[in-house]
């Protein structure tokens, strides 16, 4: 990992290993508000461009363009909260550590299941909107 699209907040940094918390903010490569150019990405020499977020046709096209223009493999993975476990498993497969990914995926499933169970106890009319 070479950097963040947006640097983690001081509060979030407390939960990250120092080597990741201190990585620089590189900026967004694709989508609305992109702030980094492809020359910067090439100069950083990543092995892979990993984008986790929307997988609409537009973002697939942007990932393809990044790969074509930089000659760096680009992977786009869905980033929906409900699909966190699947996302972790995909990343584990990409990086050759499926066992660690499975541990994290099961933890994510447990947490999300507990949230769903807690929410299910609240009548729809009493649920706050966000």
N, C-alpha and C. Protein backbone atom coordinates (compact mmCIF):
# COMPACT_ATOMS: atom_id res chain seq x y z
N UNK A 1 0.85 -1.17 0.00
CA UNK A 1 0.00 0.00 0.00
C UNK A 1 0.90 1.22 0.00
N UNK A 2 0.60 2.12 -0.94
CA UNK A 2 1.44 3.30 -1.10
C UNK A 2 0.84 4.56 -0.50
N UNK A 3 -0.48 4.58 -0.33
CA UNK A 3 -1.11 5.77 0.20
C UNK A 3 -2.62 5.65 0.20
N UNK A 4 -3.24 6.71 0.67
CA UNK A 4 -4.70 6.77 0.82
C UNK A 4 -5.30 7.72 -0.22
N UNK A 5 -6.52 7.42 -0.64
CA UNK A 5 -7.23 8.39 -1.47
C UNK A 5 -7.57 9.62 -0.64
N UNK A 6 -7.87 9.37 0.63
CA UNK A 6 -8.10 10.45 1.60
C UNK A 6 -7.48 9.98 2.91
N UNK A 7 -6.64 10.80 3.47
CA UNK A 7 -5.93 10.42 4.70
C UNK A 7 -6.92 10.10 5.81
N UNK A 8 -6.63 9.08 6.60
CA UNK A 8 -7.52 8.76 7.73
C UNK A 8 -7.48 9.88 8.77
N UNK A 9 -8.60 10.06 9.43
CA UNK A 9 -8.69 11.08 10.48
C UNK A 9 -7.81 10.67 11.65
N UNK A 10 -7.48 11.61 12.52
CA UNK A 10 -6.72 11.25 13.72
C UNK A 10 -7.41 10.17 14.54
N UNK A 11 -8.74 10.21 14.60
CA UNK A 11 -9.47 9.19 15.34
C UNK A 11 -9.31 7.81 14.69
N UNK A 12 -9.38 7.77 13.37
CA UNK A 12 -9.24 6.49 12.65
C UNK A 12 -7.81 5.97 12.73
N UNK A 13 -6.84 6.87 12.74
CA UNK A 13 -5.43 6.46 12.82
C UNK A 13 -5.14 5.65 14.07
N UNK A 14 -5.87 5.91 15.12
CA UNK A 14 -5.66 5.19 16.38
C UNK A 14 -5.91 3.69 16.21
N UNK A 15 -6.68 3.31 15.19
CA UNK A 15 -7.02 1.91 14.97
C UNK A 15 -6.15 1.25 13.89
N UNK A 16 -5.21 1.99 13.35
CA UNK A 16 -4.38 1.48 12.26
C UNK A 16 -2.95 1.25 12.72
N UNK A 17 -2.29 0.23 12.19
CA UNK A 17 -0.85 0.10 12.46
C UNK A 17 -0.15 1.36 11.96
N UNK A 18 0.88 1.77 12.65
CA UNK A 18 1.56 3.03 12.33
C UNK A 18 2.01 3.09 10.88
N UNK A 19 2.49 1.96 10.34
CA UNK A 19 2.99 1.98 8.95
C UNK A 19 1.91 2.35 7.95
N UNK A 20 0.63 2.07 8.29
CA UNK A 20 -0.47 2.47 7.41
C UNK A 20 -1.03 3.84 7.78
N UNK A 21 -1.07 4.13 9.04
CA UNK A 21 -1.60 5.42 9.49
C UNK A 21 -0.79 6.59 8.95
N UNK A 22 0.50 6.37 8.76
CA UNK A 22 1.39 7.45 8.32
C UNK A 22 1.55 7.55 6.81
N UNK A 23 0.88 6.70 6.06
CA UNK A 23 0.99 6.79 4.60
C UNK A 23 0.39 8.10 4.10
N UNK A 24 0.92 8.63 3.01
CA UNK A 24 0.44 9.93 2.52
C UNK A 24 -0.93 9.84 1.85
N UNK A 25 -1.57 10.97 1.77
CA UNK A 25 -2.79 11.10 0.99
C UNK A 25 -2.39 11.32 -0.45
N UNK A 26 -2.78 10.41 -1.31
CA UNK A 26 -2.42 10.49 -2.73
C UNK A 26 -3.52 11.18 -3.52
N UNK A 27 -4.76 10.94 -3.14
CA UNK A 27 -5.89 11.54 -3.83
C UNK A 27 -6.70 10.49 -4.56
N UNK A 28 -7.80 10.94 -5.10
CA UNK A 28 -8.73 10.07 -5.82
C UNK A 28 -8.32 9.95 -7.27
N UNK A 29 -8.34 8.74 -7.78
CA UNK A 29 -7.92 8.50 -9.15
C UNK A 29 -9.08 8.55 -10.14
N UNK A 30 -10.25 8.09 -9.72
CA UNK A 30 -11.39 8.04 -10.63
C UNK A 30 -12.62 8.64 -9.97
N UNK A 31 -13.59 8.92 -10.79
CA UNK A 31 -14.87 9.40 -10.28
C UNK A 31 -14.90 10.89 -10.03
N UNK A 32 -15.98 11.32 -9.44
CA UNK A 32 -16.20 12.72 -9.16
C UNK A 32 -15.17 13.20 -8.15
N UNK A 33 -14.52 14.30 -8.44
CA UNK A 33 -13.56 14.86 -7.50
C UNK A 33 -12.20 14.19 -7.54
N UNK A 34 -11.84 13.56 -8.69
CA UNK A 34 -10.52 12.95 -8.75
C UNK A 34 -9.45 14.03 -8.57
N UNK A 35 -8.43 13.70 -7.80
CA UNK A 35 -7.44 14.70 -7.41
C UNK A 35 -6.01 14.28 -7.72
N UNK A 36 -5.82 13.12 -8.32
CA UNK A 36 -4.47 12.66 -8.65
C UNK A 36 -4.43 12.37 -10.14
N UNK A 37 -3.29 12.65 -10.76
CA UNK A 37 -3.19 12.35 -12.18
C UNK A 37 -2.46 11.04 -12.39
N UNK A 38 -2.61 10.50 -13.57
CA UNK A 38 -2.04 9.19 -13.87
C UNK A 38 -0.52 9.19 -13.82
N UNK A 39 0.12 10.32 -14.12
CA UNK A 39 1.57 10.38 -14.05
C UNK A 39 2.06 10.15 -12.63
N UNK A 40 1.32 10.66 -11.67
CA UNK A 40 1.67 10.44 -10.26
C UNK A 40 1.56 8.96 -9.91
N UNK A 41 0.52 8.32 -10.39
CA UNK A 41 0.33 6.90 -10.12
C UNK A 41 1.48 6.10 -10.73
N UNK A 42 1.83 6.39 -11.96
CA UNK A 42 2.93 5.68 -12.62
C UNK A 42 4.23 5.91 -11.87
N UNK A 43 4.48 7.13 -11.43
CA UNK A 43 5.70 7.47 -10.70
C UNK A 43 5.80 6.69 -9.38
N UNK A 44 4.67 6.42 -8.74
CA UNK A 44 4.67 5.66 -7.49
C UNK A 44 4.95 4.17 -7.70
N UNK A 45 4.80 3.69 -8.93
CA UNK A 45 5.09 2.32 -9.34
C UNK A 45 4.37 1.25 -8.50
N UNK A 46 3.06 1.36 -8.37
CA UNK A 46 2.34 0.30 -7.66
C UNK A 46 2.29 -0.97 -8.50
N UNK A 47 2.13 -2.09 -7.82
CA UNK A 47 1.96 -3.37 -8.51
C UNK A 47 0.51 -3.52 -8.99
N UNK A 48 -0.40 -2.79 -8.33
CA UNK A 48 -1.82 -2.95 -8.59
C UNK A 48 -2.54 -1.67 -8.17
N UNK A 49 -3.55 -1.29 -8.94
CA UNK A 49 -4.47 -0.23 -8.54
C UNK A 49 -5.73 -0.93 -8.07
N UNK A 50 -6.06 -0.79 -6.80
CA UNK A 50 -7.23 -1.43 -6.22
C UNK A 50 -8.26 -0.37 -5.88
N UNK A 51 -9.44 -0.50 -6.46
CA UNK A 51 -10.52 0.44 -6.24
C UNK A 51 -11.69 -0.33 -5.65
N UNK A 52 -12.12 0.07 -4.49
CA UNK A 52 -13.27 -0.57 -3.84
C UNK A 52 -14.37 0.48 -3.75
N UNK A 53 -15.47 0.22 -4.40
CA UNK A 53 -16.56 1.19 -4.42
C UNK A 53 -17.63 0.77 -5.41
N UNK A 54 -18.11 1.73 -6.12
CA UNK A 54 -19.17 1.49 -7.09
C UNK A 54 -18.64 0.68 -8.28
N UNK A 55 -19.43 -0.26 -8.74
CA UNK A 55 -19.04 -1.07 -9.89
C UNK A 55 -19.98 -0.83 -11.08
N UNK A 56 -20.52 0.37 -11.14
CA UNK A 56 -21.37 0.71 -12.28
C UNK A 56 -20.52 0.72 -13.54
N UNK A 57 -21.20 0.73 -14.66
CA UNK A 57 -20.52 0.73 -15.96
C UNK A 57 -19.51 1.87 -16.06
N UNK A 58 -19.84 3.01 -15.50
CA UNK A 58 -18.94 4.16 -15.55
C UNK A 58 -17.63 3.86 -14.83
N UNK A 59 -17.71 3.27 -13.64
CA UNK A 59 -16.50 2.98 -12.88
C UNK A 59 -15.71 1.83 -13.48
N UNK A 60 -16.39 0.88 -14.07
CA UNK A 60 -15.68 -0.20 -14.79
C UNK A 60 -14.89 0.42 -15.94
N UNK A 61 -15.51 1.32 -16.67
CA UNK A 61 -14.84 2.00 -17.78
C UNK A 61 -13.64 2.80 -17.29
N UNK A 62 -13.79 3.50 -16.17
CA UNK A 62 -12.68 4.28 -15.61
C UNK A 62 -11.53 3.38 -15.18
N UNK A 63 -11.84 2.25 -14.56
CA UNK A 63 -10.79 1.30 -14.16
C UNK A 63 -10.07 0.76 -15.40
N UNK A 64 -10.83 0.46 -16.45
CA UNK A 64 -10.22 0.00 -17.69
C UNK A 64 -9.29 1.06 -18.28
N UNK A 65 -9.73 2.32 -18.23
CA UNK A 65 -8.91 3.42 -18.76
C UNK A 65 -7.61 3.56 -17.96
N UNK A 66 -7.71 3.47 -16.64
CA UNK A 66 -6.51 3.57 -15.80
C UNK A 66 -5.53 2.47 -16.18
N UNK A 67 -6.03 1.26 -16.32
CA UNK A 67 -5.17 0.13 -16.66
C UNK A 67 -4.53 0.32 -18.03
N UNK A 68 -5.33 0.74 -19.00
CA UNK A 68 -4.81 0.94 -20.35
C UNK A 68 -3.76 2.04 -20.41
N UNK A 69 -3.98 3.13 -19.69
CA UNK A 69 -3.10 4.28 -19.78
C UNK A 69 -1.84 4.15 -18.92
N UNK A 70 -1.91 3.38 -17.84
CA UNK A 70 -0.76 3.25 -16.95
C UNK A 70 0.00 1.94 -17.14
N UNK A 71 -0.65 0.96 -17.76
CA UNK A 71 -0.10 -0.40 -17.89
C UNK A 71 0.11 -1.05 -16.53
N UNK A 72 -0.68 -0.61 -15.55
CA UNK A 72 -0.69 -1.18 -14.21
C UNK A 72 -2.02 -1.90 -14.05
N UNK A 73 -2.01 -3.16 -13.62
CA UNK A 73 -3.28 -3.86 -13.44
C UNK A 73 -4.20 -3.08 -12.48
N UNK A 74 -5.46 -2.99 -12.86
CA UNK A 74 -6.45 -2.31 -12.04
C UNK A 74 -7.59 -3.27 -11.73
N UNK A 75 -7.98 -3.30 -10.48
CA UNK A 75 -9.07 -4.17 -10.03
C UNK A 75 -10.13 -3.31 -9.37
N UNK A 76 -11.36 -3.52 -9.76
CA UNK A 76 -12.50 -2.81 -9.19
C UNK A 76 -13.38 -3.82 -8.48
N UNK A 77 -13.60 -3.59 -7.19
CA UNK A 77 -14.40 -4.49 -6.36
C UNK A 77 -15.54 -3.70 -5.74
N UNK A 78 -16.72 -4.31 -5.70
CA UNK A 78 -17.87 -3.65 -5.09
C UNK A 78 -17.61 -3.30 -3.63
N UNK A 79 -18.10 -2.16 -3.21
CA UNK A 79 -17.83 -1.70 -1.87
C UNK A 79 -19.06 -1.54 -0.99
N UNK A 80 -20.14 -2.25 -1.31
CA UNK A 80 -21.34 -2.16 -0.48
C UNK A 80 -21.08 -2.78 0.88
N UNK A 81 -21.55 -2.13 1.94
CA UNK A 81 -21.33 -2.61 3.30
C UNK A 81 -21.83 -4.04 3.47
N UNK A 82 -22.98 -4.33 2.92
CA UNK A 82 -23.56 -5.67 3.06
C UNK A 82 -22.69 -6.74 2.39
N UNK A 83 -21.81 -6.34 1.49
CA UNK A 83 -20.96 -7.28 0.76
C UNK A 83 -19.52 -7.28 1.29
N UNK A 84 -19.31 -6.76 2.49
CA UNK A 84 -17.97 -6.65 3.04
C UNK A 84 -17.25 -7.99 3.10
N UNK A 85 -17.92 -9.03 3.52
CA UNK A 85 -17.28 -10.34 3.63
C UNK A 85 -16.80 -10.82 2.25
N UNK A 86 -17.62 -10.69 1.25
CA UNK A 86 -17.22 -11.09 -0.10
C UNK A 86 -16.06 -10.25 -0.60
N UNK A 87 -16.09 -8.96 -0.30
CA UNK A 87 -15.00 -8.07 -0.70
C UNK A 87 -13.69 -8.52 -0.05
N UNK A 88 -13.73 -8.83 1.23
CA UNK A 88 -12.53 -9.29 1.92
C UNK A 88 -12.00 -10.59 1.35
N UNK A 89 -12.90 -11.49 1.02
CA UNK A 89 -12.47 -12.76 0.42
C UNK A 89 -11.82 -12.54 -0.94
N UNK A 90 -12.36 -11.64 -1.73
CA UNK A 90 -11.78 -11.33 -3.04
C UNK A 90 -10.38 -10.74 -2.87
N UNK A 91 -10.24 -9.81 -1.94
CA UNK A 91 -8.93 -9.20 -1.70
C UNK A 91 -7.94 -10.25 -1.20
N UNK A 92 -8.38 -11.12 -0.32
CA UNK A 92 -7.51 -12.18 0.17
C UNK A 92 -7.02 -13.07 -0.96
N UNK A 93 -7.89 -13.36 -1.89
CA UNK A 93 -7.51 -14.17 -3.04
C UNK A 93 -6.50 -13.42 -3.91
N UNK A 94 -6.74 -12.14 -4.13
CA UNK A 94 -5.82 -11.32 -4.94
C UNK A 94 -4.42 -11.28 -4.34
N UNK A 95 -4.36 -11.15 -3.03
CA UNK A 95 -3.07 -10.96 -2.37
C UNK A 95 -2.48 -12.26 -1.81
N UNK A 96 -3.11 -13.38 -2.14
CA UNK A 96 -2.54 -14.66 -1.77
C UNK A 96 -2.62 -15.01 -0.29
N UNK A 97 -3.61 -14.45 0.40
CA UNK A 97 -3.77 -14.77 1.82
C UNK A 97 -5.24 -15.07 2.13
N UNK A 98 -5.78 -16.13 1.53
CA UNK A 98 -7.20 -16.42 1.73
C UNK A 98 -7.55 -16.78 3.17
N UNK A 99 -6.61 -17.33 3.92
CA UNK A 99 -6.90 -17.69 5.31
C UNK A 99 -7.17 -16.44 6.16
N UNK A 100 -6.31 -15.44 6.02
CA UNK A 100 -6.52 -14.19 6.78
C UNK A 100 -7.81 -13.51 6.32
N UNK A 101 -8.04 -13.52 5.02
CA UNK A 101 -9.26 -12.92 4.49
C UNK A 101 -10.50 -13.61 5.04
N UNK A 102 -10.44 -14.93 5.15
CA UNK A 102 -11.58 -15.67 5.68
C UNK A 102 -11.85 -15.30 7.13
N UNK A 103 -10.79 -15.14 7.91
CA UNK A 103 -10.95 -14.72 9.30
C UNK A 103 -11.64 -13.37 9.37
N UNK A 104 -11.17 -12.44 8.56
CA UNK A 104 -11.76 -11.09 8.55
C UNK A 104 -13.18 -11.12 8.01
N UNK A 105 -13.43 -11.93 6.99
CA UNK A 105 -14.77 -12.03 6.40
C UNK A 105 -15.76 -12.59 7.42
N UNK A 106 -15.35 -13.61 8.15
CA UNK A 106 -16.24 -14.17 9.17
C UNK A 106 -16.52 -13.15 10.28
N UNK A 107 -15.52 -12.39 10.65
CA UNK A 107 -15.73 -11.33 11.65
C UNK A 107 -16.74 -10.31 11.12
N UNK A 108 -16.57 -9.90 9.86
CA UNK A 108 -17.50 -8.94 9.26
C UNK A 108 -18.91 -9.50 9.24
N UNK A 109 -19.05 -10.77 8.89
CA UNK A 109 -20.37 -11.40 8.87
C UNK A 109 -20.98 -11.41 10.27
N UNK A 110 -20.19 -11.71 11.26
CA UNK A 110 -20.68 -11.73 12.64
C UNK A 110 -21.17 -10.36 13.08
N UNK A 111 -20.38 -9.34 12.79
CA UNK A 111 -20.76 -7.98 13.18
C UNK A 111 -22.02 -7.54 12.44
N UNK A 112 -22.05 -7.75 11.13
CA UNK A 112 -23.23 -7.34 10.36
C UNK A 112 -24.48 -8.12 10.77
N UNK A 113 -24.32 -9.41 11.06
CA UNK A 113 -25.46 -10.21 11.54
C UNK A 113 -25.98 -9.67 12.86
N UNK A 114 -25.08 -9.30 13.77
CA UNK A 114 -25.53 -8.78 15.06
C UNK A 114 -26.25 -7.44 14.89
N UNK A 115 -25.81 -6.64 13.95
CA UNK A 115 -26.50 -5.37 13.67
C UNK A 115 -27.89 -5.66 13.11
N UNK A 116 -27.98 -6.59 12.17
CA UNK A 116 -29.29 -6.93 11.59
C UNK A 116 -30.24 -7.48 12.66
N UNK A 117 -29.72 -8.30 13.57
CA UNK A 117 -30.56 -8.84 14.64
C UNK A 117 -31.05 -7.73 15.57
N UNK A 118 -30.17 -6.79 15.88
CA UNK A 118 -30.56 -5.68 16.76
C UNK A 118 -31.60 -4.79 16.07
N UNK A 119 -31.40 -4.52 14.81
CA UNK A 119 -32.34 -3.68 14.06
C UNK A 119 -33.70 -4.37 13.94
N UNK A 120 -33.70 -5.67 13.75
CA UNK A 120 -34.95 -6.41 13.58
C UNK A 120 -35.86 -6.29 14.79
N UNK A 121 -35.31 -5.99 15.95
CA UNK A 121 -36.10 -5.86 17.17
C UNK A 121 -36.79 -4.49 17.27
N UNK A 122 -36.43 -3.58 16.41
CA UNK A 122 -37.00 -2.22 16.45
C UNK A 122 -38.09 -2.12 15.39
N UNK A 123 -39.30 -1.77 15.79
CA UNK A 123 -40.36 -1.61 14.80
C UNK A 123 -39.98 -0.54 13.76
N UNK A 124 -40.41 -0.76 12.52
CA UNK A 124 -40.08 0.19 11.44
C UNK A 124 -40.43 1.62 11.81
N UNK A 125 -41.55 1.81 12.47
CA UNK A 125 -42.00 3.17 12.81
C UNK A 125 -41.10 3.84 13.84
N UNK A 126 -40.32 3.06 14.59
CA UNK A 126 -39.44 3.62 15.61
C UNK A 126 -37.98 3.76 15.15
N UNK A 127 -37.69 3.33 13.95
CA UNK A 127 -36.32 3.41 13.45
C UNK A 127 -36.02 4.82 12.96
N UNK A 128 -34.91 5.38 13.43
CA UNK A 128 -34.56 6.72 12.94
C UNK A 128 -34.10 6.65 11.48
N UNK A 129 -34.33 7.70 10.76
CA UNK A 129 -33.81 7.76 9.39
C UNK A 129 -32.46 8.45 9.43
N UNK A 130 -31.64 8.08 8.52
CA UNK A 130 -30.28 8.63 8.48
C UNK A 130 -30.08 9.26 7.13
